[in-house]
Amino acid sequence: MFDSLFTNKNAQDAANAQIAAQQRGLSLGLGILNQGLTTANNTYTAGLAPTQANLATDQAGQTAYADATGANGPAGQAQAVKNFQAGPGYQFQLDQGSQNVLRNQAATGQLASGATDTGLLNYGQGQANQAWQQYIQGLQPFMGASTQNAGISATSAANQAGLQNTNYTNQANMNYGANVAQGNAQANADLANNQAAQNIMGAITGGVKLASGLAGFFG
């Protein structure tokens, strides 16, 4: 009992226990926050994957539309014509129409005449013009879809960044709170050590006074 008056052992033991408890709580809390952040990031990534896939397709369609309308220059137009002619729909319609022209010319006995070549040329040009317009119209929806999916991606990224910011702020606050609490606990132990020193000095001073008094009494 008297030992506690002259040392800070009890106070230091209490401070050590408080610091250890704070550290355990900090480790547990940070672990939960990190786990939650990982889960949230994985959820965002999985949820955004279909939008990202659609966005890639939409952007390809957007590029094809820019090529077809001349926005990407001669090289883009050349690529657009290549893509257009490679389309199965255009080639099928062209083949079917050409066969009809040939059948009509054969039925009228003009298959080997110049009218057949003219008919095929006129049909091919008309079919190409019509199919080209349909090709461009078919690409137009990609413009709006690309913008929409890009907006969804941007919003999701902003929300994820906000979640991460909140999580890291909570971790910083938790670290700060634990450090303050641990510092206060150690400070109290140090103050107890000062008090113990004052008690020792008080005891010494009291002993000196007592000894002086006794000496005077017996002297």
Protein backbone atom coordinates (compact mmCIF):
# COMPACT_ATOMS: atom_id res chain seq x y z
CA MET A 1 0.00 0.00 0.00
CA PHE A 2 2.75 2.43 0.99
CA ASP A 3 4.75 1.47 -2.10
CA SER A 4 2.09 3.06 -4.30
CA LEU A 5 2.71 6.39 -2.57
CA PHE A 6 6.32 6.47 -3.71
CA THR A 7 6.18 4.81 -7.19
CA ASN A 8 3.99 5.05 -10.29
CA LYS A 9 3.94 1.27 -10.75
CA ASN A 10 0.17 0.96 -10.36
CA ALA A 11 -0.44 3.94 -12.62
CA GLN A 12 1.98 2.62 -15.25
CA ASP A 13 0.39 -0.83 -15.14
CA ALA A 14 -3.01 0.79 -15.65
CA ALA A 15 -1.65 2.90 -18.51
CA ASN A 16 -0.12 -0.15 -20.16
CA ALA A 17 -3.44 -1.98 -19.89
CA GLN A 18 -5.29 0.99 -21.40
CA ILE A 19 -2.77 1.31 -24.23
CA ALA A 20 -2.98 -2.42 -25.00
CA ALA A 21 -6.80 -2.26 -25.05
CA GLN A 22 -6.70 0.77 -27.32
CA GLN A 23 -4.30 -1.00 -29.66
CA ARG A 24 -6.48 -4.12 -29.81
CA GLY A 25 -9.54 -2.01 -30.52
CA LEU A 26 -7.66 -0.07 -33.18
CA SER A 27 -6.46 -3.24 -34.92
CA LEU A 28 -9.94 -4.73 -34.85
CA GLY A 29 -11.57 -1.54 -36.11
CA LEU A 30 -9.06 -1.02 -38.91
CA GLY A 31 -9.44 -4.65 -39.95
CA ILE A 32 -13.21 -4.25 -40.23
CA LEU A 33 -12.88 -1.02 -42.20
CA ASN A 34 -10.36 -2.56 -44.60
CA GLN A 35 -12.53 -5.62 -45.08
CA GLY A 36 -15.56 -3.45 -45.76
CA LEU A 37 -13.60 -1.36 -48.25
CA THR A 38 -12.39 -4.45 -50.11
CA THR A 39 -15.93 -5.85 -50.28
CA ALA A 40 -17.30 -2.53 -51.51
CA ASN A 41 -14.60 -2.19 -54.18
CA ASN A 42 -15.26 -5.73 -55.41
CA THR A 43 -18.99 -5.02 -55.52
CA TYR A 44 -18.45 -1.83 -57.50
CA THR A 45 -16.16 -3.65 -59.94
CA ALA A 46 -18.57 -6.53 -60.46
CA GLY A 47 -21.56 -4.23 -60.81
CA LEU A 48 -19.80 -2.00 -63.31
CA ALA A 49 -18.42 -4.81 -65.50
CA PRO A 50 -21.52 -5.09 -67.77
CA THR A 51 -21.58 -1.31 -68.25
CA GLN A 52 -17.89 -1.30 -69.13
CA ALA A 53 -18.43 -4.08 -71.67
CA ASN A 54 -21.36 -2.19 -73.22
CA LEU A 55 -19.32 0.99 -73.24
CA ALA A 56 -16.53 -0.70 -75.21
CA THR A 57 -19.06 -1.88 -77.81
CA ASP A 58 -20.75 1.52 -77.91
CA GLN A 59 -17.45 3.32 -78.41
CA ALA A 60 -16.60 0.98 -81.29
CA GLY A 61 -19.96 1.83 -82.86
CA GLN A 62 -19.34 5.52 -82.21
CA THR A 63 -16.00 5.26 -84.02
CA ALA A 64 -17.67 3.45 -86.93
CA TYR A 65 -20.28 6.22 -87.15
CA ALA A 66 -17.56 8.88 -87.17
CA ASP A 67 -15.76 6.95 -89.93
CA ALA A 68 -18.93 6.66 -92.02
CA THR A 69 -19.80 10.35 -91.71
CA GLY A 70 -16.29 11.51 -92.57
CA ALA A 71 -15.44 12.84 -89.11
CA ASN A 72 -12.29 10.72 -89.02
CA GLY A 73 -11.03 11.81 -92.43
CA PRO A 74 -10.22 9.77 -95.56
CA ALA A 75 -8.70 6.91 -93.61
CA GLY A 76 -11.86 6.65 -91.53
CA GLN A 77 -14.06 6.72 -94.63
CA ALA A 78 -12.02 3.96 -96.23
CA GLN A 79 -12.45 1.84 -93.11
CA ALA A 80 -16.18 2.58 -93.08
CA VAL A 81 -16.58 1.41 -96.69
CA LYS A 82 -14.62 -1.73 -95.86
CA ASN A 83 -16.82 -2.46 -92.84
CA PHE A 84 -19.97 -1.71 -94.84
CA GLN A 85 -19.09 -3.99 -97.74
CA ALA A 86 -18.10 -6.78 -95.36
CA GLY A 87 -21.52 -6.69 -93.75
CA PRO A 88 -23.52 -9.90 -94.46
CA GLY A 89 -26.77 -7.99 -94.93
CA TYR A 90 -25.49 -5.80 -97.74
CA GLN A 91 -23.83 -8.63 -99.64
CA PHE A 92 -26.93 -10.84 -99.33
CA GLN A 93 -29.25 -8.12 -100.64
CA LEU A 94 -26.85 -7.33 -103.48
CA ASP A 95 -26.61 -10.99 -104.51
CA GLN A 96 -30.36 -11.51 -104.37
CA GLY A 97 -31.05 -8.38 -106.40
CA SER A 98 -28.42 -9.23 -108.98
CA GLN A 99 -29.89 -12.70 -109.42
CA ASN A 100 -33.32 -11.17 -110.00
CA VAL A 101 -31.91 -8.88 -112.71
CA LEU A 102 -30.21 -11.83 -114.37
CA ARG A 103 -33.38 -13.94 -114.25
CA ASN A 104 -35.46 -11.15 -115.76
CA GLN A 105 -32.93 -10.62 -118.53
CA ALA A 106 -32.79 -14.34 -119.23
CA ALA A 107 -36.56 -14.60 -119.34
CA THR A 108 -36.74 -11.84 -121.99
CA GLY A 109 -33.82 -13.17 -123.99
CA GLN A 110 -31.55 -10.23 -123.17
CA LEU A 111 -29.09 -11.95 -120.85
CA ALA A 112 -26.10 -11.34 -123.12
CA SER A 113 -27.04 -7.80 -124.05
CA GLY A 114 -25.67 -4.53 -122.75
CA ALA A 115 -28.96 -3.99 -120.96
CA THR A 116 -27.96 -6.69 -118.50
CA ASP A 117 -24.78 -4.86 -117.54
CA THR A 118 -26.70 -1.60 -117.24
CA GLY A 119 -29.34 -3.23 -115.10
CA LEU A 120 -26.81 -4.76 -112.80
CA LEU A 121 -24.94 -1.47 -112.49
CA ASN A 122 -28.07 0.53 -111.74
CA TYR A 123 -29.29 -2.00 -109.23
CA GLY A 124 -25.89 -2.18 -107.53
CA GLN A 125 -25.66 1.59 -107.21
CA GLY A 126 -29.19 1.93 -105.91
CA GLN A 127 -28.77 -0.93 -103.47
CA ALA A 128 -25.45 0.45 -102.25
CA ASN A 129 -26.93 3.91 -101.65
CA GLN A 130 -29.94 2.55 -99.78
CA ALA A 131 -27.89 0.09 -97.74
CA TRP A 132 -25.31 2.80 -96.94
CA GLN A 133 -27.99 5.04 -95.45
CA GLN A 134 -29.33 2.12 -93.46
CA TYR A 135 -25.79 1.34 -92.29
CA ILE A 136 -25.32 4.89 -90.96
CA GLN A 137 -28.74 4.89 -89.31
CA GLY A 138 -27.90 1.61 -87.63
CA LEU A 139 -24.83 3.19 -86.05
CA GLN A 140 -26.60 6.26 -84.66
CA PRO A 141 -27.92 4.57 -81.46
CA PHE A 142 -24.33 3.89 -80.40
CA MET A 143 -23.80 7.63 -79.98
CA GLY A 144 -26.42 8.01 -77.24
CA ALA A 145 -25.61 4.65 -75.66
CA SER A 146 -21.92 5.55 -75.45
CA THR A 147 -22.72 8.82 -73.70
CA GLN A 148 -25.14 7.11 -71.32
CA ASN A 149 -22.77 4.31 -70.34
CA ALA A 150 -19.88 6.74 -69.99
CA GLY A 151 -22.03 8.74 -67.57
CA ILE A 152 -22.86 5.60 -65.58
CA SER A 153 -19.17 4.73 -65.38
CA ALA A 154 -18.26 8.24 -64.26
CA THR A 155 -20.99 8.29 -61.59
CA SER A 156 -19.95 4.88 -60.29
CA ALA A 157 -16.30 5.95 -60.15
CA ALA A 158 -17.24 9.11 -58.24
CA ASN A 159 -19.35 7.12 -55.77
CA GLN A 160 -16.54 4.63 -55.26
CA ALA A 161 -14.04 7.44 -54.70
CA GLY A 162 -16.39 9.00 -52.15
CA LEU A 163 -16.72 5.69 -50.32
CA GLN A 164 -12.95 5.28 -50.25
CA ASN A 165 -12.50 8.83 -48.97
CA THR A 166 -14.99 8.22 -46.17
CA ASN A 167 -13.34 4.93 -45.26
CA TYR A 168 -9.85 6.43 -45.14
CA THR A 169 -11.15 9.39 -43.14
CA ASN A 170 -12.66 6.99 -40.60
CA GLN A 171 -9.36 5.12 -40.40
CA ALA A 172 -7.46 8.37 -39.86
CA ASN A 173 -9.89 9.44 -37.14
CA MET A 174 -9.63 6.04 -35.49
CA ASN A 175 -5.83 6.21 -35.52
CA TYR A 176 -5.91 9.75 -34.16
CA GLY A 177 -8.35 8.85 -31.38
CA ALA A 178 -6.33 5.81 -30.35
CA ASN A 179 -3.07 7.78 -30.32
CA VAL A 180 -4.63 10.54 -28.21
CA ALA A 181 -6.07 8.02 -25.75
CA GLN A 182 -2.76 6.19 -25.48
CA GLY A 183 -0.91 9.47 -25.02
CA ASN A 184 -3.29 10.52 -22.27
CA ALA A 185 -2.91 7.19 -20.51
CA GLN A 186 0.88 7.47 -20.58
CA ALA A 187 0.69 11.10 -19.52
CA ASN A 188 -1.35 10.12 -16.48
CA ALA A 189 1.24 7.50 -15.61
CA ASP A 190 4.00 10.09 -15.93
CA LEU A 191 2.08 12.51 -13.73
CA ALA A 192 1.70 9.74 -11.18
CA ASN A 193 5.48 9.35 -11.27
CA ASN A 194 5.85 13.06 -10.51
CA GLN A 195 3.40 12.71 -7.67
CA ALA A 196 5.43 9.80 -6.32
CA ALA A 197 8.54 11.99 -6.42
CA GLN A 198 6.67 14.72 -4.54
CA ASN A 199 5.58 12.17 -1.94
CA ILE A 200 9.18 11.07 -1.49
CA MET A 201 10.33 14.65 -1.07
CA GLY A 202 7.47 15.28 1.33
CA ALA A 203 8.40 12.25 3.35
CA ILE A 204 12.04 13.32 3.47
CA THR A 205 11.11 16.86 4.47
CA GLY A 206 8.73 15.56 7.11
CA GLY A 207 11.41 13.23 8.47
CA VAL A 208 13.91 16.07 8.70
CA LYS A 209 11.42 18.26 10.53
CA LEU A 210 10.55 15.43 12.86
CA ALA A 211 14.20 14.73 13.57
CA SER A 212 14.87 18.40 14.23
CA GLY A 213 11.93 18.59 16.53
CA LEU A 214 12.98 15.56 18.49
CA ALA A 215 16.51 16.83 18.75
CA GLY A 216 15.24 20.11 20.15
CA PHE A 217 12.97 18.33 22.56
CA PHE A 218 15.67 16.11 23.93
CA GLY A 219 18.38 18.69 23.68
